[in-house]
C-alpha atoms as a PDB file:
ATOM      1  CA  UNK A   1      86.692  60.443  82.510  1.00  0.00           C
ATOM      2  CA  UNK A   2      84.460  62.737  84.147  1.00  0.00           C
ATOM      3  CA  UNK A   3      80.988  61.821  86.213  1.00  0.00           C
ATOM      4  CA  UNK A   4      78.632  63.243  83.836  1.00  0.00           C
ATOM      5  CA  UNK A   5      80.198  61.890  80.817  1.00  0.00           C
ATOM      6  CA  UNK A   6      80.155  58.883  82.710  1.00  0.00           C
ATOM      7  CA  UNK A   7      76.279  59.111  83.331  1.00  0.00           C
ATOM      8  CA  UNK A   8      75.639  59.657  79.459  1.00  0.00           C
ATOM      9  CA  UNK A   9      77.145  56.060  78.975  1.00  0.00           C
ATOM     10  CA  UNK A  10      75.581  54.463  81.258  1.00  0.00           C
ATOM     11  CA  UNK A  11      71.914  55.882  80.452  1.00  0.00           C
ATOM     12  CA  UNK A  12      73.186  54.969  76.353  1.00  0.00           C
ATOM     13  CA  UNK A  13      73.424  51.396  78.299  1.00  0.00           C
ATOM     14  CA  UNK A  14      70.372  50.937  80.273  1.00  0.00           C
ATOM     15  CA  UNK A  15      68.188  52.821  77.422  1.00  0.00           C
ATOM     16  CA  UNK A  16      69.434  49.564  75.203  1.00  0.00           C
ATOM     17  CA  UNK A  17      68.842  47.165  78.273  1.00  0.00           C
ATOM     18  CA  UNK A  18      65.362  48.975  78.102  1.00  0.00           C
ATOM     19  CA  UNK A  19      64.732  48.413  74.720  1.00  0.00           C
ATOM     20  CA  UNK A  20      64.732  44.679  74.296  1.00  0.00           C
ATOM     21  CA  UNK A  21      69.017  44.182  74.166  1.00  0.00           C
ATOM     22  CA  UNK A  22      71.484  41.614  75.987  1.00  0.00           C
ATOM     23  CA  UNK A  23      73.308  43.096  78.489  1.00  0.00           C
ATOM     24  CA  UNK A  24      76.223  42.395  77.169  1.00  0.00           C
ATOM     25  CA  UNK A  25      74.689  44.000  73.663  1.00  0.00           C
ATOM     26  CA  UNK A  26      73.625  47.125  75.533  1.00  0.00           C
ATOM     27  CA  UNK A  27      77.484  47.072  77.298  1.00  0.00           C
ATOM     28  CA  UNK A  28      79.109  46.637  73.911  1.00  0.00           C
ATOM     29  CA  UNK A  29      76.951  49.917  72.377  1.00  0.00           C
ATOM     30  CA  UNK A  30      78.640  51.553  75.973  1.00  0.00           C
ATOM     31  CA  UNK A  31      82.291  50.952  75.150  1.00  0.00           C
ATOM     32  CA  UNK A  32      81.440  51.970  71.387  1.00  0.00           C
ATOM     33  CA  UNK A  33      80.334  55.097  72.306  1.00  0.00           C
ATOM     34  CA  UNK A  34      83.455  55.712  74.776  1.00  0.00           C
ATOM     35  CA  UNK A  35      85.911  53.983  72.188  1.00  0.00           C
ATOM     36  CA  UNK A  36      83.854  56.987  69.511  1.00  0.00           C
ATOM     37  CA  UNK A  37      84.374  59.286  71.744  1.00  0.00           C
ATOM     38  CA  UNK A  38      86.389  62.729  70.189  1.00  0.00           C
ATOM     39  CA  UNK A  39      88.005  62.708  74.076  1.00  0.00           C
ATOM     40  CA  UNK A  40      89.603  59.023  73.497  1.00  0.00           C
ATOM     41  CA  UNK A  41      90.396  59.501  70.627  1.00  0.00           C
ATOM     42  CA  UNK A  42      92.458  63.247  70.426  1.00  0.00           C
ATOM     43  CA  UNK A  43      94.115  64.968  72.371  1.00  0.00           C
ATOM     44  CA  UNK A  44      91.847  67.618  74.418  1.00  0.00           C
ATOM     45  CA  UNK A  45      94.302  70.785  75.389  1.00  0.00           C
ATOM     46  CA  UNK A  46      93.321  74.140  75.503  1.00  0.00           C
ATOM     47  CA  UNK A  47      94.629  77.287  73.282  1.00  0.00           C
ATOM     48  CA  UNK A  48      97.578  78.965  74.004  1.00  0.00           C
ATOM     49  CA  UNK A  49     100.607  77.663  76.800  1.00  0.00           C
ATOM     50  CA  UNK A  50     100.239  73.537  77.636  1.00  0.00           C
ATOM     51  CA  UNK A  51      99.989  72.963  80.853  1.00  0.00           C
ATOM     52  CA  UNK A  52     101.917  70.514  83.289  1.00  0.00           C
ATOM     53  CA  UNK A  53      98.955  67.682  82.078  1.00  0.00           C
ATOM     54  CA  UNK A  54      99.316  68.577  78.880  1.00  0.00           C
ATOM     55  CA  UNK A  55     102.686  68.889  78.292  1.00  0.00           C
ATOM     56  CA  UNK A  56     103.230  65.176  79.876  1.00  0.00           C
ATOM     57  CA  UNK A  57     100.804  63.952  77.004  1.00  0.00           C
ATOM     58  CA  UNK A  58     103.377  65.650  74.468  1.00  0.00           C
ATOM     59  CA  UNK A  59     106.763  63.774  75.928  1.00  0.00           C
ATOM     60  CA  UNK A  60     104.630  60.692  76.337  1.00  0.00           C
ATOM     61  CA  UNK A  61     103.515  60.283  73.032  1.00  0.00           C
ATOM     62  CA  UNK A  62     106.541  61.883  71.675  1.00  0.00           C
ATOM     63  CA  UNK A  63     108.976  59.935  73.360  1.00  0.00           C
ATOM     64  CA  UNK A  64     107.171  56.283  74.491  1.00  0.00           C
ATOM     65  CA  UNK A  65     103.768  56.306  71.721  1.00  0.00           C
ATOM     66  CA  UNK A  66     101.949  55.825  74.688  1.00  0.00           C
ATOM     67  CA  UNK A  67     100.125  57.120  77.979  1.00  0.00           C
ATOM     68  CA  UNK A  68     102.047  58.916  80.697  1.00  0.00           C
ATOM     69  CA  UNK A  69     102.669  56.959  83.311  1.00  0.00           C
ATOM     70  CA  UNK A  70     102.532  57.742  86.766  1.00  0.00           C
ATOM     71  CA  UNK A  71     105.649  59.218  87.691  1.00  0.00           C
ATOM     72  CA  UNK A  72     105.109  61.903  84.619  1.00  0.00           C
ATOM     73  CA  UNK A  73     102.070  62.676  86.276  1.00  0.00           C
ATOM     74  CA  UNK A  74     103.144  62.987  89.488  1.00  0.00           C
ATOM     75  CA  UNK A  75     105.701  65.486  88.188  1.00  0.00           C
ATOM     76  CA  UNK A  76     103.122  66.908  85.769  1.00  0.00           C
ATOM     77  CA  UNK A  77     100.998  67.398  89.527  1.00  0.00           C
ATOM     78  CA  UNK A  78     103.713  69.085  91.729  1.00  0.00           C
ATOM     79  CA  UNK A  79     104.636  71.348  88.687  1.00  0.00           C
ATOM     80  CA  UNK A  80     107.813  69.980  88.299  1.00  0.00           C
ATOM     81  CA  UNK A  81     108.450  69.076  84.580  1.00  0.00           C
ATOM     82  CA  UNK A  82     109.306  72.720  83.754  1.00  0.00           C
ATOM     83  CA  UNK A  83     111.964  73.051  85.899  1.00  0.00           C
ATOM     84  CA  UNK A  84     115.248  72.335  84.683  1.00  0.00           C
ATOM     85  CA  UNK A  85     116.814  70.041  87.004  1.00  0.00           C
ATOM     86  CA  UNK A  86     118.943  66.811  87.081  1.00  0.00           C
ATOM     87  CA  UNK A  87     115.991  65.240  89.631  1.00  0.00           C
ATOM     88  CA  UNK A  88     113.862  65.084  86.626  1.00  0.00           C
ATOM     89  CA  UNK A  89     115.582  61.960  85.148  1.00  0.00           C
ATOM     90  CA  UNK A  90     114.785  58.233  85.520  1.00  0.00           C
ATOM     91  CA  UNK A  91     116.040  56.024  87.142  1.00  0.00           C
ATOM     92  CA  UNK A  92     118.776  53.569  84.546  1.00  0.00           C
ATOM     93  CA  UNK A  93     116.485  50.320  84.904  1.00  0.00           C
ATOM     94  CA  UNK A  94     113.202  51.515  83.832  1.00  0.00           C
ATOM     95  CA  UNK A  95     114.680  53.622  80.253  1.00  0.00           C
ATOM     96  CA  UNK A  96     115.311  50.307  78.020  1.00  0.00           C
ATOM     97  CA  UNK A  97     112.127  49.652  76.910  1.00  0.00           C
ATOM     98  CA  UNK A  98     110.508  53.017  76.397  1.00  0.00           C
ATOM     99  CA  UNK A  99     113.755  54.244  74.892  1.00  0.00           C
ATOM    100  CA  UNK A 100     113.428  51.278  72.876  1.00  0.00           C
ATOM    101  CA  UNK A 101     109.681  52.066  71.667  1.00  0.00           C
ATOM    102  CA  UNK A 102     111.152  55.343  71.259  1.00  0.00           C
ATOM    103  CA  UNK A 103     113.537  54.393  67.960  1.00  0.00           C
ATOM    104  CA  UNK A 104     111.622  51.986  66.720  1.00  0.00           C
ATOM    105  CA  UNK A 105     108.586  54.207  66.300  1.00  0.00           C
ATOM    106  CA  UNK A 106     110.781  57.563  65.145  1.00  0.00           C
ATOM    107  CA  UNK A 107     112.915  55.403  62.479  1.00  0.00           C
ATOM    108  CA  UNK A 108     109.826  53.810  61.354  1.00  0.00           C
ATOM    109  CA  UNK A 109     108.501  57.486  60.612  1.00  0.00           C
ATOM    110  CA  UNK A 110     111.341  59.578  59.580  1.00  0.00           C
ATOM    111  CA  UNK A 111     112.907  57.445  57.789  1.00  0.00           C
ATOM    112  CA  UNK A 112     109.976  56.053  56.421  1.00  0.00           C
ATOM    113  CA  UNK A 113     111.281  52.100  57.224  1.00  0.00           C
ATOM    114  CA  UNK A 114     107.158  51.127  57.813  1.00  0.00           C
ATOM    115  CA  UNK A 115     107.018  51.030  53.668  1.00  0.00           C
ATOM    116  CA  UNK A 116     109.625  48.354  53.165  1.00  0.00           C
ATOM    117  CA  UNK A 117     107.684  45.126  52.373  1.00  0.00           C
ATOM    118  CA  UNK A 118     104.749  47.066  51.110  1.00  0.00           C
ATOM    119  CA  UNK A 119     106.630  47.402  47.527  1.00  0.00           C
ATOM    120  CA  UNK A 120     108.687  44.308  48.129  1.00  0.00           C
ATOM    121  CA  UNK A 121     111.688  43.381  44.617  1.00  0.00           C
ATOM    122  CA  UNK A 122     110.853  41.754  42.235  1.00  0.00           C
ATOM    123  CA  UNK A 123     111.736  37.659  43.233  1.00  0.00           C
ATOM    124  CA  UNK A 124     113.299  36.251  40.950  1.00  0.00           C
ATOM    125  CA  UNK A 125     115.626  38.914  40.521  1.00  0.00           C
ATOM    126  CA  UNK A 126     116.732  39.473  44.077  1.00  0.00           C
ATOM    127  CA  UNK A 127     116.278  36.230  45.432  1.00  0.00           C
ATOM    128  CA  UNK A 128     118.377  36.706  48.844  1.00  0.00           C
ATOM    129  CA  UNK A 129     116.574  39.708  49.503  1.00  0.00           C
ATOM    130  CA  UNK A 130     113.760  36.909  50.641  1.00  0.00           C
ATOM    131  CA  UNK A 131     116.518  33.383  50.854  1.00  0.00           C
ATOM    132  CA  UNK A 132     119.197  35.766  53.533  1.00  0.00           C
ATOM    133  CA  UNK A 133     115.881  37.400  55.368  1.00  0.00           C
ATOM    134  CA  UNK A 134     117.430  40.843  54.537  1.00  0.00           C
ATOM    135  CA  UNK A 135     113.969  43.193  55.296  1.00  0.00           C
ATOM    136  CA  UNK A 136     114.220  42.956  58.670  1.00  0.00           C
ATOM    137  CA  UNK A 137     117.946  43.044  58.925  1.00  0.00           C
ATOM    138  CA  UNK A 138     118.333  46.371  56.982  1.00  0.00           C
ATOM    139  CA  UNK A 139     115.299  47.806  58.939  1.00  0.00           C
ATOM    140  CA  UNK A 140     117.317  46.694  62.291  1.00  0.00           C
ATOM    141  CA  UNK A 141     120.701  48.199  60.699  1.00  0.00           C
ATOM    142  CA  UNK A 142     118.739  51.244  60.699  1.00  0.00           C
ATOM    143  CA  UNK A 143     117.195  51.988  64.203  1.00  0.00           C
ATOM    144  CA  UNK A 144     121.309  50.307  65.531  1.00  0.00           C
ATOM    145  CA  UNK A 145     123.055  53.413  63.967  1.00  0.00           C
ATOM    146  CA  UNK A 146     120.085  55.845  65.076  1.00  0.00           C
ATOM    147  CA  UNK A 147     120.150  53.913  69.082  1.00  0.00           C
ATOM    148  CA  UNK A 148     124.118  54.373  68.608  1.00  0.00           C
ATOM    149  CA  UNK A 149     124.043  57.721  67.324  1.00  0.00           C
ATOM    150  CA  UNK A 150     122.075  58.969  70.635  1.00  0.00           C
ATOM    151  CA  UNK A 151     124.276  57.221  72.629  1.00  0.00           C
ATOM    152  CA  UNK A 152     126.963  58.538  72.173  1.00  0.00           C
ATOM    153  CA  UNK A 153     125.002  62.505  71.358  1.00  0.00           C
ATOM    154  CA  UNK A 154     127.379  61.816  68.362  1.00  0.00           C
ATOM    155  CA  UNK A 155     127.198  65.204  66.380  1.00  0.00           C
ATOM    156  CA  UNK A 156     124.187  65.162  63.516  1.00  0.00           C
ATOM    157  CA  UNK A 157     126.843  64.677  60.631  1.00  0.00           C
ATOM    158  CA  UNK A 158     127.230  61.370  62.188  1.00  0.00           C
ATOM    159  CA  UNK A 159     123.526  60.170  60.026  1.00  0.00           C
ATOM    160  CA  UNK A 160     125.008  61.337  56.926  1.00  0.00           C
ATOM    161  CA  UNK A 161     128.913  60.555  57.168  1.00  0.00           C
ATOM    162  CA  UNK A 162     129.839  57.726  59.988  1.00  0.00           C
ATOM    163  CA  UNK A 163     132.422  54.824  59.065  1.00  0.00           C
ATOM    164  CA  UNK A 164     130.470  52.075  60.960  1.00  0.00           C
ATOM    165  CA  UNK A 165     126.870  50.715  60.641  1.00  0.00           C
ATOM    166  CA  UNK A 166     125.327  47.663  61.731  1.00  0.00           C
ATOM    167  CA  UNK A 167     124.855  44.313  60.392  1.00  0.00           C
ATOM    168  CA  UNK A 168     124.464  40.513  60.166  1.00  0.00           C
ATOM    169  CA  UNK A 169     125.579  38.027  58.393  1.00  0.00           C
ATOM    170  CA  UNK A 170     123.774  38.390  55.000  1.00  0.00           C
ATOM    171  CA  UNK A 171     123.317  42.002  55.368  1.00  0.00           C
ATOM    172  CA  UNK A 172     127.475  42.011  55.495  1.00  0.00           C
ATOM    173  CA  UNK A 173     127.345  40.070  52.496  1.00  0.00           C
ATOM    174  CA  UNK A 174     125.308  42.266  50.728  1.00  0.00           C
ATOM    175  CA  UNK A 175     127.884  45.415  51.408  1.00  0.00           C
ATOM    176  CA  UNK A 176     130.754  43.198  51.002  1.00  0.00           C
ATOM    177  CA  UNK A 177     131.886  43.795  54.981  1.00  0.00           C
ATOM    178  CA  UNK A 178     134.306  40.379  55.574  1.00  0.00           C
ATOM    179  CA  UNK A 179     134.149  39.185  58.533  1.00  0.00           C
ATOM    180  CA  UNK A 180     130.601  39.048  59.408  1.00  0.00           C
ATOM    181  CA  UNK A 181     128.517  35.572  59.850  1.00  0.00           C
ATOM    182  CA  UNK A 182     125.523  34.864  61.913  1.00  0.00           C
ATOM    183  CA  UNK A 183     121.949  36.243  62.522  1.00  0.00           C
ATOM    184  CA  UNK A 184     122.623  38.554  65.486  1.00  0.00           C
ATOM    185  CA  UNK A 185     123.647  41.990  63.993  1.00  0.00           C
ATOM    186  CA  UNK A 186     126.847  44.294  65.411  1.00  0.00           C
ATOM    187  CA  UNK A 187     128.865  47.374  64.781  1.00  0.00           C
ATOM    188  CA  UNK A 188     130.827  46.922  62.348  1.00  0.00           C
ATOM    189  CA  UNK A 189     132.869  49.459  60.249  1.00  0.00           C
ATOM    190  CA  UNK A 190     132.101  49.638  56.508  1.00  0.00           C
ATOM    191  CA  UNK A 191     133.767  51.204  53.027  1.00  0.00           C
ATOM    192  CA  UNK A 192     130.724  52.003  51.402  1.00  0.00           C
ATOM    193  CA  UNK A 193     130.706  54.998  48.397  1.00  0.00           C
ATOM    194  CA  UNK A 194     127.798  56.344  50.627  1.00  0.00           C
ATOM    195  CA  UNK A 195     128.510  56.507  54.405  1.00  0.00           C
ATOM    196  CA  UNK A 196     125.660  56.899  57.005  1.00  0.00           C
ATOM    197  CA  UNK A 197     121.738  56.484  56.574  1.00  0.00           C
ATOM    198  CA  UNK A 198     121.707  57.300  52.926  1.00  0.00           C
ATOM    199  CA  UNK A 199     124.158  53.938  51.804  1.00  0.00           C
ATOM    200  CA  UNK A 200     122.206  52.095  54.127  1.00  0.00           C
ATOM    201  CA  UNK A 201     119.886  49.114  52.498  1.00  0.00           C
ATOM    202  CA  UNK A 202     116.841  50.131  54.541  1.00  0.00           C
ATOM    203  CA  UNK A 203     116.708  53.857  53.026  1.00  0.00           C
ATOM    204  CA  UNK A 204     117.351  52.739  49.583  1.00  0.00           C
ATOM    205  CA  UNK A 205     114.229  50.537  49.537  1.00  0.00           C
ATOM    206  CA  UNK A 206     112.373  52.946  51.362  1.00  0.00           C
ATOM    207  CA  UNK A 207     112.495  55.463  48.750  1.00  0.00           C
ATOM    208  CA  UNK A 208     112.612  53.310  45.822  1.00  0.00           C
ATOM    209  CA  UNK A 209     109.727  51.105  44.408  1.00  0.00           C
ATOM    210  CA  UNK A 210     110.604  47.844  44.809  1.00  0.00           C
ATOM    211  CA  UNK A 211     110.826  47.548  40.774  1.00  0.00           C
ATOM    212  CA  UNK A 212     113.209  50.349  40.057  1.00  0.00           C
ATOM    213  CA  UNK A 213     114.817  53.433  41.190  1.00  0.00           C
ATOM    214  CA  UNK A 214     114.388  56.544  40.071  1.00  0.00           C
ATOM    215  CA  UNK A 215     116.556  59.776  41.218  1.00  0.00           C
ATOM    216  CA  UNK A 216     113.251  61.825  40.971  1.00  0.00           C
ATOM    217  CA  UNK A 217     112.116  59.646  43.707  1.00  0.00           C
ATOM    218  CA  UNK A 218     115.138  59.818  46.197  1.00  0.00           C
ATOM    219  CA  UNK A 219     115.843  63.292  45.249  1.00  0.00           C
ATOM    220  CA  UNK A 220     112.871  64.652  47.071  1.00  0.00           C
ATOM    221  CA  UNK A 221     113.153  61.425  49.937  1.00  0.00           C
ATOM    222  CA  UNK A 222     115.962  63.461  50.868  1.00  0.00           C
ATOM    223  CA  UNK A 223     114.454  67.078  50.513  1.00  0.00           C
ATOM    224  CA  UNK A 224     111.730  66.123  52.666  1.00  0.00           C
ATOM    225  CA  UNK A 225     113.109  63.207  55.407  1.00  0.00           C
ATOM    226  CA  UNK A 226     116.859  65.091  55.266  1.00  0.00           C
ATOM    227  CA  UNK A 227     116.824  68.539  54.540  1.00  0.00           C
ATOM    228  CA  UNK A 228     113.664  69.283  55.561  1.00  0.00           C
ATOM    229  CA  UNK A 229     111.948  70.845  52.652  1.00  0.00           C
ATOM    230  CA  UNK A 230     109.018  70.049  50.293  1.00  0.00           C
ATOM    231  CA  UNK A 231     109.520  69.779  46.507  1.00  0.00           C
ATOM    232  CA  UNK A 232     107.940  72.220  44.062  1.00  0.00           C
ATOM    233  CA  UNK A 233     105.658  70.734  41.929  1.00  0.00           C
ATOM    234  CA  UNK A 234     106.991  70.431  38.277  1.00  0.00           C
ATOM    235  CA  UNK A 235     106.448  73.199  36.390  1.00  0.00           C
ATOM    236  CA  UNK A 236     103.867  73.047  33.237  1.00  0.00           C
ATOM    237  CA  UNK A 237     105.318  72.021  30.166  1.00  0.00           C
END
């Protein structure tokens, strides 16, 4: 925040206090103005090629869903973010928490895992979904599957044709995978008809409406989330 911007906020607080507001109420008004400021809500970037600080912000919010850390800002200040050198790699110890955030956030948006739970299945017809805690298990399956492909640097085709997945006991029973018990998810071989992401319970649930399934809705999901295309609007009858 620049000195001029800070002066505007200080003047606002002083004016509110001079008009009879308590110190706390006046400070709240200044804080509210800060939180509503476009500079706080949006990334301010100049048109054209990104500078190093804007690039640092793009990288940080995409990978970690938070503001750039000190090391990233230091690299931006030195102008080293655009240099394809091995010196930019992070030490292994600082990656796990940030990598987990990336996996959780990316799969939630890409595979629409955030929708799971908004239209849950009927309790009478799908009692195991609630009793066995399948909702979190199926989300975890997709997260671990995605992370495994990243860690192994596997081909893109692995997302759609893999003979392994990650299940705990309840999810293994749903898939009829023998030999898996307990609440901990682990890598297991699967022989499902639809392998990879398209056979996972999380994707099948996210592309349904909680009551029944629709080939049209699921087809649109595949078009938009897997193939990256937009379905055309239906033609008038």
